[in-house]
C-alpha atoms as a PDB file:
ATOM      1  CA  UNK A   1     109.509  37.996 102.420  1.00  0.00           C
ATOM      2  CA  UNK A   2     109.574  39.018  98.760  1.00  0.00           C
ATOM      3  CA  UNK A   3     109.478  35.403  97.657  1.00  0.00           C
ATOM      4  CA  UNK A   4     106.458  34.750  99.874  1.00  0.00           C
ATOM      5  CA  UNK A   5     104.677  37.785  98.355  1.00  0.00           C
ATOM      6  CA  UNK A   6     105.436  36.547  94.841  1.00  0.00           C
ATOM      7  CA  UNK A   7     104.037  33.111  95.718  1.00  0.00           C
ATOM      8  CA  UNK A   8     100.852  34.640  97.142  1.00  0.00           C
ATOM      9  CA  UNK A   9     100.439  36.797  94.037  1.00  0.00           C
ATOM     10  CA  UNK A  10     101.009  33.731  91.851  1.00  0.00           C
ATOM     11  CA  UNK A  11      98.440  31.706  93.826  1.00  0.00           C
ATOM     12  CA  UNK A  12      95.858  34.498  93.597  1.00  0.00           C
ATOM     13  CA  UNK A  13      96.514  34.763  89.853  1.00  0.00           C
ATOM     14  CA  UNK A  14      95.974  31.026  89.369  1.00  0.00           C
ATOM     15  CA  UNK A  15      92.735  31.113  91.378  1.00  0.00           C
ATOM     16  CA  UNK A  16      91.487  34.144  89.424  1.00  0.00           C
ATOM     17  CA  UNK A  17      92.317  32.382  86.148  1.00  0.00           C
ATOM     18  CA  UNK A  18      90.402  29.277  87.211  1.00  0.00           C
ATOM     19  CA  UNK A  19      87.376  31.364  88.176  1.00  0.00           C
ATOM     20  CA  UNK A  20      87.524  33.115  84.808  1.00  0.00           C
ATOM     21  CA  UNK A  21      87.707  29.798  82.936  1.00  0.00           C
ATOM     22  CA  UNK A  22      84.753  28.470  84.947  1.00  0.00           C
ATOM     23  CA  UNK A  23      82.640  31.512  84.087  1.00  0.00           C
ATOM     24  CA  UNK A  24      83.588  31.221  80.404  1.00  0.00           C
ATOM     25  CA  UNK A  25      82.670  27.528  80.317  1.00  0.00           C
ATOM     26  CA  UNK A  26      79.326  28.242  81.930  1.00  0.00           C
ATOM     27  CA  UNK A  27      78.559  31.014  79.432  1.00  0.00           C
ATOM     28  CA  UNK A  28      79.603  28.765  76.539  1.00  0.00           C
ATOM     29  CA  UNK A  29      77.365  25.948  77.792  1.00  0.00           C
ATOM     30  CA  UNK A  30      74.430  28.348  78.040  1.00  0.00           C
ATOM     31  CA  UNK A  31      75.100  29.560  74.501  1.00  0.00           C
ATOM     32  CA  UNK A  32      75.269  25.985  73.181  1.00  0.00           C
ATOM     33  CA  UNK A  33      71.977  25.095  74.877  1.00  0.00           C
ATOM     34  CA  UNK A  34      70.325  28.175  73.399  1.00  0.00           C
ATOM     35  CA  UNK A  35      71.645  27.393  69.919  1.00  0.00           C
ATOM     36  CA  UNK A  36      70.492  23.787  70.236  1.00  0.00           C
ATOM     37  CA  UNK A  37      66.982  24.827  71.219  1.00  0.00           C
ATOM     38  CA  UNK A  38      66.919  27.301  68.338  1.00  0.00           C
ATOM     39  CA  UNK A  39      67.949  24.550  65.931  1.00  0.00           C
ATOM     40  CA  UNK A  40      65.191  22.271  67.235  1.00  0.00           C
ATOM     41  CA  UNK A  41      62.644  25.038  66.657  1.00  0.00           C
ATOM     42  CA  UNK A  42      64.029  25.559  63.171  1.00  0.00           C
ATOM     43  CA  UNK A  43      63.720  21.852  62.357  1.00  0.00           C
ATOM     44  CA  UNK A  44      60.109  21.836  63.526  1.00  0.00           C
ATOM     45  CA  UNK A  45      59.375  24.900  61.398  1.00  0.00           C
ATOM     46  CA  UNK A  46      60.942  23.249  58.359  1.00  0.00           C
ATOM     47  CA  UNK A  47      58.711  20.198  58.718  1.00  0.00           C
ATOM     48  CA  UNK A  48      55.626  22.391  59.035  1.00  0.00           C
ATOM     49  CA  UNK A  49      56.779  24.413  56.045  1.00  0.00           C
ATOM     50  CA  UNK A  50      56.961  21.277  53.904  1.00  0.00           C
ATOM     51  CA  UNK A  51      53.397  20.347  54.836  1.00  0.00           C
ATOM     52  CA  UNK A  52      52.173  23.884  54.155  1.00  0.00           C
ATOM     53  CA  UNK A  53      53.912  24.138  50.787  1.00  0.00           C
ATOM     54  CA  UNK A  54      53.154  20.616  49.575  1.00  0.00           C
ATOM     55  CA  UNK A  55      49.443  20.016  49.138  1.00  0.00           C
ATOM     56  CA  UNK A  56      49.911  16.254  48.722  1.00  0.00           C
ATOM     57  CA  UNK A  57      51.872  15.895  51.957  1.00  0.00           C
ATOM     58  CA  UNK A  58      49.271  18.024  53.752  1.00  0.00           C
ATOM     59  CA  UNK A  59      46.478  15.800  52.414  1.00  0.00           C
ATOM     60  CA  UNK A  60      48.220  12.541  53.326  1.00  0.00           C
ATOM     61  CA  UNK A  61      49.043  13.907  56.788  1.00  0.00           C
ATOM     62  CA  UNK A  62      45.396  14.771  57.303  1.00  0.00           C
ATOM     63  CA  UNK A  63      44.392  11.313  56.082  1.00  0.00           C
ATOM     64  CA  UNK A  64      46.949   9.729  58.411  1.00  0.00           C
ATOM     65  CA  UNK A  65      45.142  11.292  61.369  1.00  0.00           C
ATOM     66  CA  UNK A  66      41.956   9.703  60.022  1.00  0.00           C
ATOM     67  CA  UNK A  67      43.517   6.231  59.929  1.00  0.00           C
ATOM     68  CA  UNK A  68      44.759   5.764  56.358  1.00  0.00           C
ATOM     69  CA  UNK A  69      47.094   2.787  55.856  1.00  0.00           C
ATOM     70  CA  UNK A  70      50.075   2.233  53.581  1.00  0.00           C
ATOM     71  CA  UNK A  71      48.004   0.100  51.199  1.00  0.00           C
ATOM     72  CA  UNK A  72      45.554   2.989  50.728  1.00  0.00           C
ATOM     73  CA  UNK A  73      48.242   5.090  49.030  1.00  0.00           C
ATOM     74  CA  UNK A  74      49.873   4.875  45.637  1.00  0.00           C
ATOM     75  CA  UNK A  75      53.517   3.893  45.631  1.00  0.00           C
ATOM     76  CA  UNK A  76      54.509   7.480  44.805  1.00  0.00           C
ATOM     77  CA  UNK A  77      52.350   9.003  47.526  1.00  0.00           C
ATOM     78  CA  UNK A  78      53.625   6.528  50.069  1.00  0.00           C
ATOM     79  CA  UNK A  79      57.234   7.300  49.080  1.00  0.00           C
ATOM     80  CA  UNK A  80      56.594  11.020  49.524  1.00  0.00           C
ATOM     81  CA  UNK A  81      55.016  10.537  52.901  1.00  0.00           C
ATOM     82  CA  UNK A  82      57.664   7.996  53.929  1.00  0.00           C
ATOM     83  CA  UNK A  83      60.373  10.624  53.347  1.00  0.00           C
ATOM     84  CA  UNK A  84      58.357  13.227  55.242  1.00  0.00           C
ATOM     85  CA  UNK A  85      57.794  10.877  58.187  1.00  0.00           C
ATOM     86  CA  UNK A  86      61.460   9.819  58.227  1.00  0.00           C
ATOM     87  CA  UNK A  87      62.435  13.474  58.374  1.00  0.00           C
ATOM     88  CA  UNK A  88      60.270  13.805  61.472  1.00  0.00           C
ATOM     89  CA  UNK A  89      61.627  10.622  63.030  1.00  0.00           C
ATOM     90  CA  UNK A  90      65.205  11.783  62.496  1.00  0.00           C
ATOM     91  CA  UNK A  91      64.265  15.095  64.107  1.00  0.00           C
ATOM     92  CA  UNK A  92      63.015  13.229  67.165  1.00  0.00           C
ATOM     93  CA  UNK A  93      66.232  11.217  67.172  1.00  0.00           C
ATOM     94  CA  UNK A  94      68.245  14.449  67.046  1.00  0.00           C
ATOM     95  CA  UNK A  95      66.352  15.816  70.050  1.00  0.00           C
ATOM     96  CA  UNK A  96      67.042  12.526  71.845  1.00  0.00           C
ATOM     97  CA  UNK A  97      70.777  12.815  71.123  1.00  0.00           C
ATOM     98  CA  UNK A  98      70.826  16.424  72.339  1.00  0.00           C
ATOM     99  CA  UNK A  99      68.935  15.314  75.456  1.00  0.00           C
ATOM    100  CA  UNK A 100      71.460  12.533  76.115  1.00  0.00           C
ATOM    101  CA  UNK A 101      74.323  15.005  75.689  1.00  0.00           C
ATOM    102  CA  UNK A 102      72.742  17.350  78.229  1.00  0.00           C
ATOM    103  CA  UNK A 103      72.091  20.202  75.794  1.00  0.00           C
ATOM    104  CA  UNK A 104      68.307  20.140  76.225  1.00  0.00           C
ATOM    105  CA  UNK A 105      65.998  19.013  78.972  1.00  0.00           C
ATOM    106  CA  UNK A 106      63.240  16.448  78.750  1.00  0.00           C
ATOM    107  CA  UNK A 107      60.775  19.281  78.103  1.00  0.00           C
ATOM    108  CA  UNK A 108      62.189  19.500  74.558  1.00  0.00           C
ATOM    109  CA  UNK A 109      60.048  16.470  73.766  1.00  0.00           C
ATOM    110  CA  UNK A 110      56.946  18.530  74.544  1.00  0.00           C
ATOM    111  CA  UNK A 111      57.483  20.256  71.190  1.00  0.00           C
ATOM    112  CA  UNK A 112      56.900  17.007  69.358  1.00  0.00           C
ATOM    113  CA  UNK A 113      53.402  16.356  68.054  1.00  0.00           C
ATOM    114  CA  UNK A 114      53.312  12.747  69.240  1.00  0.00           C
ATOM    115  CA  UNK A 115      49.805  12.298  67.800  1.00  0.00           C
ATOM    116  CA  UNK A 116      51.437  12.304  64.347  1.00  0.00           C
ATOM    117  CA  UNK A 117      53.790   9.488  65.355  1.00  0.00           C
ATOM    118  CA  UNK A 118      50.909   7.498  66.842  1.00  0.00           C
ATOM    119  CA  UNK A 119      49.040   7.325  63.542  1.00  0.00           C
ATOM    120  CA  UNK A 120      48.799   3.920  61.916  1.00  0.00           C
ATOM    121  CA  UNK A 121      50.633   5.097  58.803  1.00  0.00           C
ATOM    122  CA  UNK A 122      53.625   6.472  60.699  1.00  0.00           C
ATOM    123  CA  UNK A 123      53.671   3.366  62.906  1.00  0.00           C
ATOM    124  CA  UNK A 124      53.904   1.239  59.749  1.00  0.00           C
ATOM    125  CA  UNK A 125      56.852   3.307  58.550  1.00  0.00           C
ATOM    126  CA  UNK A 126      58.477   3.055  61.970  1.00  0.00           C
ATOM    127  CA  UNK A 127      58.135  -0.732  62.062  1.00  0.00           C
ATOM    128  CA  UNK A 128      59.767  -0.984  58.628  1.00  0.00           C
ATOM    129  CA  UNK A 129      62.646   1.346  59.475  1.00  0.00           C
ATOM    130  CA  UNK A 130      63.278   1.238  63.216  1.00  0.00           C
ATOM    131  CA  UNK A 131      66.261  -1.061  62.760  1.00  0.00           C
ATOM    132  CA  UNK A 132      68.094   1.834  61.089  1.00  0.00           C
ATOM    133  CA  UNK A 133      68.009   3.749  64.399  1.00  0.00           C
ATOM    134  CA  UNK A 134      70.121   3.298  67.515  1.00  0.00           C
ATOM    135  CA  UNK A 135      68.588   0.558  69.708  1.00  0.00           C
ATOM    136  CA  UNK A 136      68.560   2.828  72.782  1.00  0.00           C
ATOM    137  CA  UNK A 137      66.677   5.461  70.802  1.00  0.00           C
ATOM    138  CA  UNK A 138      64.163   2.840  69.617  1.00  0.00           C
ATOM    139  CA  UNK A 139      63.288   1.930  73.216  1.00  0.00           C
ATOM    140  CA  UNK A 140      63.119   5.584  74.293  1.00  0.00           C
ATOM    141  CA  UNK A 141      61.037   6.653  71.290  1.00  0.00           C
ATOM    142  CA  UNK A 142      58.514   3.859  71.648  1.00  0.00           C
ATOM    143  CA  UNK A 143      58.137   4.676  75.332  1.00  0.00           C
ATOM    144  CA  UNK A 144      57.376   8.364  74.760  1.00  0.00           C
ATOM    145  CA  UNK A 145      55.250   7.637  71.703  1.00  0.00           C
ATOM    146  CA  UNK A 146      53.101   5.153  73.596  1.00  0.00           C
ATOM    147  CA  UNK A 147      52.724   7.358  76.695  1.00  0.00           C
ATOM    148  CA  UNK A 148      49.851   9.791  76.471  1.00  0.00           C
END
């Protein structure tokens, strides 16, 4: 009888431990998702901050929305904007990776100003550099970029 009681107590202890581990994993997953979304917001803020603090980037961005092309810029201005656009493209790639890993939902892509990525200037940069991105991301990005 005592042995049977010990076994029951042991079984209950194992079940309680498994429930505890499950709750901890769920809380950890929630915390990771929250931290990931916070990081995405931070990255977006950093890109906006660059445009606010750098008059040249702000001007070129405005001109990009008006249809400026690569050949309309000096080599220096294009290099500046190229780096700025690549920063944005890598941010989108990061969101894609977090989405694939299940840390954010598809709605995370709603935070992206896709109009920026649809401009002719950013499209030119993308065409020059898309081979430096994961092929699955390239397909995904072009699909969301081209869907209005």
